[in-house]
Amino acid sequence: MTQPRRPDPQPLQTRDTPTILVGTGLWAVALVVVLLVVRPADGRPIWTCVVGIGLGVFGLLYVRRRDSRRRDQSE
């Protein structure tokens, strides 16, 4: 005997933009620290920070576009 399926819960409402901005800002701070304090012989730490910033910008654009589409669909 199977029980009837319960309805899916509503999606959580999250604030993704501030989270992404903080993460991107932390990568920017790490880049400044690497450039001014560490001064590495190879470029890997620098490129790691640059990629972190780039992915943060991409995530920010993605989330804003997604939220815009959700607002358009709800109207």
N, C-alpha and C. Protein backbone atom coordinates (compact mmCIF):
# COMPACT_ATOMS: atom_id res chain seq x y z
N MET A 1 0.84 -1.16 0.00
CA MET A 1 0.00 0.00 0.00
C MET A 1 0.90 1.25 0.00
N THR A 2 0.72 2.11 -0.96
CA THR A 2 1.55 3.30 -1.06
C THR A 2 0.79 4.52 -0.57
N GLN A 3 1.53 5.40 0.03
CA GLN A 3 0.94 6.64 0.51
C GLN A 3 0.92 7.66 -0.63
N PRO A 4 -0.04 8.56 -0.60
CA PRO A 4 -0.05 9.59 -1.65
C PRO A 4 1.15 10.51 -1.49
N ARG A 5 1.62 10.97 -2.62
CA ARG A 5 2.80 11.84 -2.64
C ARG A 5 2.46 13.22 -2.10
N ARG A 6 3.30 13.71 -1.21
CA ARG A 6 3.10 15.05 -0.68
C ARG A 6 3.51 16.08 -1.73
N PRO A 7 2.93 17.25 -1.70
CA PRO A 7 3.31 18.27 -2.68
C PRO A 7 4.74 18.77 -2.42
N ASP A 8 5.39 19.22 -3.49
CA ASP A 8 6.74 19.75 -3.37
C ASP A 8 6.72 21.04 -2.55
N PRO A 9 7.75 21.26 -1.75
CA PRO A 9 7.80 22.52 -0.99
C PRO A 9 8.11 23.69 -1.92
N GLN A 10 7.75 24.87 -1.48
CA GLN A 10 8.04 26.07 -2.26
C GLN A 10 9.56 26.30 -2.26
N PRO A 11 10.12 26.82 -3.36
CA PRO A 11 11.56 27.11 -3.38
C PRO A 11 11.91 28.18 -2.36
N LEU A 12 13.09 28.06 -1.80
CA LEU A 12 13.56 29.06 -0.85
C LEU A 12 13.85 30.37 -1.56
N GLN A 13 13.48 31.46 -0.94
CA GLN A 13 13.80 32.78 -1.47
C GLN A 13 15.15 33.18 -0.88
N THR A 14 16.16 33.27 -1.73
CA THR A 14 17.50 33.62 -1.27
C THR A 14 17.95 34.93 -1.89
N ARG A 15 18.91 35.54 -1.26
CA ARG A 15 19.49 36.77 -1.79
C ARG A 15 20.89 36.40 -2.31
N ASP A 16 20.97 36.03 -3.57
CA ASP A 16 22.22 35.55 -4.15
C ASP A 16 23.18 36.67 -4.48
N THR A 17 22.68 37.84 -4.87
CA THR A 17 23.54 38.92 -5.31
C THR A 17 24.53 39.36 -4.23
N PRO A 18 24.10 39.62 -3.00
CA PRO A 18 25.09 40.01 -1.98
C PRO A 18 26.14 38.93 -1.72
N THR A 19 25.72 37.67 -1.77
CA THR A 19 26.66 36.58 -1.54
C THR A 19 27.73 36.56 -2.62
N ILE A 20 27.32 36.72 -3.86
CA ILE A 20 28.27 36.72 -4.97
C ILE A 20 29.18 37.94 -4.89
N LEU A 21 28.63 39.09 -4.54
CA LEU A 21 29.44 40.30 -4.42
C LEU A 21 30.50 40.16 -3.32
N VAL A 22 30.13 39.57 -2.20
CA VAL A 22 31.11 39.37 -1.13
C VAL A 22 32.21 38.42 -1.57
N GLY A 23 31.84 37.33 -2.22
CA GLY A 23 32.85 36.39 -2.69
C GLY A 23 33.78 37.01 -3.72
N THR A 24 33.23 37.78 -4.64
CA THR A 24 34.05 38.44 -5.65
C THR A 24 34.97 39.48 -5.00
N GLY A 25 34.43 40.19 -4.02
CA GLY A 25 35.25 41.15 -3.30
C GLY A 25 36.41 40.49 -2.56
N LEU A 26 36.15 39.32 -1.98
CA LEU A 26 37.22 38.59 -1.30
C LEU A 26 38.31 38.14 -2.27
N TRP A 27 37.92 37.74 -3.49
CA TRP A 27 38.91 37.39 -4.50
C TRP A 27 39.72 38.62 -4.90
N ALA A 28 39.07 39.78 -4.97
CA ALA A 28 39.78 41.01 -5.30
C ALA A 28 40.78 41.37 -4.20
N VAL A 29 40.38 41.21 -2.94
CA VAL A 29 41.31 41.46 -1.83
C VAL A 29 42.48 40.47 -1.90
N ALA A 30 42.19 39.22 -2.19
CA ALA A 30 43.26 38.22 -2.31
C ALA A 30 44.22 38.60 -3.43
N LEU A 31 43.70 39.12 -4.53
CA LEU A 31 44.56 39.54 -5.63
C LEU A 31 45.49 40.67 -5.21
N VAL A 32 44.95 41.64 -4.49
CA VAL A 32 45.77 42.75 -4.01
C VAL A 32 46.85 42.25 -3.06
N VAL A 33 46.49 41.35 -2.17
CA VAL A 33 47.47 40.79 -1.23
C VAL A 33 48.56 40.03 -1.98
N VAL A 34 48.16 39.24 -2.96
CA VAL A 34 49.15 38.48 -3.73
C VAL A 34 50.08 39.43 -4.48
N LEU A 35 49.54 40.48 -5.07
CA LEU A 35 50.38 41.39 -5.85
C LEU A 35 51.30 42.23 -4.97
N LEU A 36 50.80 42.69 -3.82
CA LEU A 36 51.58 43.61 -2.99
C LEU A 36 52.44 42.92 -1.93
N VAL A 37 51.97 41.81 -1.39
CA VAL A 37 52.68 41.19 -0.27
C VAL A 37 53.46 39.96 -0.71
N VAL A 38 52.81 39.06 -1.41
CA VAL A 38 53.43 37.77 -1.72
C VAL A 38 54.41 37.89 -2.87
N ARG A 39 54.02 38.57 -3.94
CA ARG A 39 54.85 38.71 -5.15
C ARG A 39 55.42 37.35 -5.60
N PRO A 40 54.55 36.49 -6.08
CA PRO A 40 54.99 35.13 -6.42
C PRO A 40 55.90 35.11 -7.65
N ALA A 41 56.76 34.09 -7.71
CA ALA A 41 57.67 33.94 -8.86
C ALA A 41 56.90 33.47 -10.09
N ASP A 42 55.92 32.60 -9.92
CA ASP A 42 55.09 32.19 -11.06
C ASP A 42 53.73 32.86 -10.95
N GLY A 43 52.95 32.82 -12.02
CA GLY A 43 51.70 33.56 -12.07
C GLY A 43 50.47 32.82 -11.63
N ARG A 44 50.63 31.60 -11.14
CA ARG A 44 49.44 30.82 -10.79
C ARG A 44 48.57 31.45 -9.70
N PRO A 45 49.12 31.97 -8.62
CA PRO A 45 48.25 32.60 -7.62
C PRO A 45 47.51 33.83 -8.18
N ILE A 46 48.18 34.58 -9.03
CA ILE A 46 47.55 35.75 -9.64
C ILE A 46 46.39 35.32 -10.52
N TRP A 47 46.63 34.33 -11.37
CA TRP A 47 45.58 33.87 -12.28
C TRP A 47 44.44 33.20 -11.54
N THR A 48 44.73 32.57 -10.41
CA THR A 48 43.66 31.98 -9.60
C THR A 48 42.71 33.06 -9.10
N CYS A 49 43.29 34.17 -8.62
CA CYS A 49 42.46 35.28 -8.15
C CYS A 49 41.68 35.92 -9.30
N VAL A 50 42.32 36.08 -10.44
CA VAL A 50 41.65 36.69 -11.60
C VAL A 50 40.49 35.82 -12.06
N VAL A 51 40.70 34.51 -12.08
CA VAL A 51 39.61 33.60 -12.47
C VAL A 51 38.49 33.64 -11.44
N GLY A 52 38.81 33.73 -10.15
CA GLY A 52 37.79 33.85 -9.12
C GLY A 52 36.95 35.10 -9.31
N ILE A 53 37.60 36.22 -9.64
CA ILE A 53 36.87 37.46 -9.90
C ILE A 53 36.00 37.31 -11.14
N GLY A 54 36.56 36.71 -12.19
CA GLY A 54 35.80 36.52 -13.43
C GLY A 54 34.58 35.64 -13.23
N LEU A 55 34.73 34.57 -12.48
CA LEU A 55 33.58 33.70 -12.21
C LEU A 55 32.54 34.40 -11.35
N GLY A 56 32.99 35.25 -10.45
CA GLY A 56 32.06 36.03 -9.65
C GLY A 56 31.24 36.98 -10.50
N VAL A 57 31.90 37.65 -11.45
CA VAL A 57 31.19 38.56 -12.35
C VAL A 57 30.20 37.77 -13.21
N PHE A 58 30.63 36.61 -13.71
CA PHE A 58 29.73 35.77 -14.50
C PHE A 58 28.53 35.34 -13.66
N GLY A 59 28.78 34.92 -12.42
CA GLY A 59 27.69 34.50 -11.54
C GLY A 59 26.73 35.64 -11.26
N LEU A 60 27.26 36.84 -11.08
CA LEU A 60 26.41 38.00 -10.84
C LEU A 60 25.51 38.29 -12.03
N LEU A 61 26.09 38.26 -13.23
CA LEU A 61 25.29 38.48 -14.44
C LEU A 61 24.24 37.39 -14.61
N TYR A 62 24.62 36.15 -14.34
CA TYR A 62 23.71 35.03 -14.48
C TYR A 62 22.53 35.16 -13.52
N VAL A 63 22.81 35.47 -12.27
CA VAL A 63 21.76 35.56 -11.26
C VAL A 63 20.82 36.72 -11.56
N ARG A 64 21.37 37.84 -11.96
CA ARG A 64 20.51 38.99 -12.29
C ARG A 64 19.62 38.68 -13.49
N ARG A 65 20.16 38.00 -14.49
CA ARG A 65 19.36 37.64 -15.66
C ARG A 65 18.27 36.64 -15.27
N ARG A 66 18.63 35.67 -14.44
CA ARG A 66 17.65 34.68 -13.98
C ARG A 66 16.53 35.34 -13.19
N ASP A 67 16.89 36.24 -12.29
CA ASP A 67 15.87 36.93 -11.50
C ASP A 67 14.98 37.80 -12.37
N SER A 68 15.55 38.43 -13.39
CA SER A 68 14.78 39.24 -14.30
C SER A 68 13.76 38.37 -15.06
N ARG A 69 14.19 37.22 -15.50
CA ARG A 69 13.28 36.31 -16.20
C ARG A 69 12.17 35.82 -15.28
N ARG A 70 12.50 35.55 -14.04
CA ARG A 70 11.46 35.11 -13.09
C ARG A 70 10.44 36.20 -12.85
N ARG A 71 10.89 37.45 -12.74
CA ARG A 71 9.95 38.56 -12.55
C ARG A 71 9.05 38.71 -13.77
N ASP A 72 9.62 38.57 -14.98
CA ASP A 72 8.83 38.70 -16.20
C ASP A 72 7.78 37.60 -16.30
N GLN A 73 8.12 36.38 -15.86
CA GLN A 73 7.18 35.27 -15.94
C GLN A 73 6.06 35.43 -14.91
N SER A 74 6.34 36.04 -13.77
CA SER A 74 5.33 36.15 -12.73
C SER A 74 4.32 37.27 -13.03
N GLU A 75 4.66 38.18 -13.92
CA GLU A 75 3.74 39.28 -14.25
C GLU A 75 2.68 38.89 -15.21
